[in-house]
């Protein structure tokens, strides 16, 4: 099934460049590649610590402006 979508010329140019750099055969392959990259997750990367515990170590009160 083929579907037509409207995109800006700039978006089309970007898709063309990505298609070339990814050596994809179609824009569909480009979109699938982008979607696959987006869905990769770091879930579980920080172990069982809560988000609050993880973020607490990133900045302290002295780093704030």
Protein backbone atom coordinates (compact mmCIF):
# COMPACT_ATOMS: atom_id res chain seq x y z
CA UNK A 1 0.00 0.00 0.00
CA UNK A 2 1.31 3.43 -0.90
CA UNK A 3 0.50 6.54 1.11
CA UNK A 4 1.18 10.12 0.18
CA UNK A 5 2.16 12.62 2.87
CA UNK A 6 2.83 16.32 2.70
CA UNK A 7 6.23 17.52 3.90
CA UNK A 8 8.15 20.75 3.49
CA UNK A 9 10.83 21.03 0.81
CA UNK A 10 13.48 21.28 3.54
CA UNK A 11 12.28 18.00 5.04
CA UNK A 12 12.41 16.33 1.63
CA UNK A 13 15.97 17.57 1.13
CA UNK A 14 16.93 16.19 4.54
CA UNK A 15 15.36 12.82 3.73
CA UNK A 16 17.29 12.73 0.44
CA UNK A 17 20.58 13.36 2.28
CA UNK A 18 19.78 10.72 4.88
CA UNK A 19 18.81 8.24 2.18
CA UNK A 20 22.15 8.75 0.53
CA UNK A 21 24.20 8.58 3.73
CA UNK A 22 22.34 5.48 4.97
CA UNK A 23 22.54 3.90 1.49
CA UNK A 24 18.83 3.18 1.79
CA UNK A 25 16.81 2.03 -1.21
CA UNK A 26 13.74 4.08 -0.29
CA UNK A 27 12.46 6.83 1.95
CA UNK A 28 10.52 4.13 3.76
CA UNK A 29 13.81 2.53 4.80
CA UNK A 30 15.08 5.90 6.02
CA UNK A 31 11.99 6.45 8.16
CA UNK A 32 12.19 2.92 9.57
CA UNK A 33 15.87 3.47 10.44
CA UNK A 34 15.05 6.72 12.21
CA UNK A 35 12.19 5.11 14.11
CA UNK A 36 14.43 2.22 15.17
CA UNK A 37 17.08 4.64 16.46
CA UNK A 38 14.44 6.54 18.41
CA UNK A 39 12.99 3.48 20.09
CA UNK A 40 16.28 2.24 21.51
CA UNK A 41 16.06 2.81 25.21
CA UNK A 42 18.37 3.14 28.18
CA UNK A 43 15.68 1.64 30.41
CA UNK A 44 17.36 -0.20 33.24
CA UNK A 45 20.74 1.38 32.50
CA UNK A 46 20.85 3.06 35.91
CA UNK A 47 19.81 -0.03 37.81
CA UNK A 48 17.01 0.12 40.31
CA UNK A 49 17.71 3.64 41.52
CA UNK A 50 14.90 6.16 41.22
CA UNK A 51 15.13 9.10 38.83
CA UNK A 52 15.43 11.40 41.85
CA UNK A 53 18.48 9.47 43.09
CA UNK A 54 20.12 9.55 39.67
CA UNK A 55 19.52 13.27 39.18
CA UNK A 56 20.73 14.12 42.70
CA UNK A 57 24.26 13.12 41.74
CA UNK A 58 24.34 15.22 38.59
CA UNK A 59 24.12 18.67 40.15
CA UNK A 60 24.43 20.09 43.58
CA UNK A 61 23.25 23.38 44.99
CA UNK A 62 26.58 25.09 44.20
CA UNK A 63 26.18 24.44 40.45
CA UNK A 64 22.93 26.35 40.19
CA UNK A 65 22.79 29.87 38.86
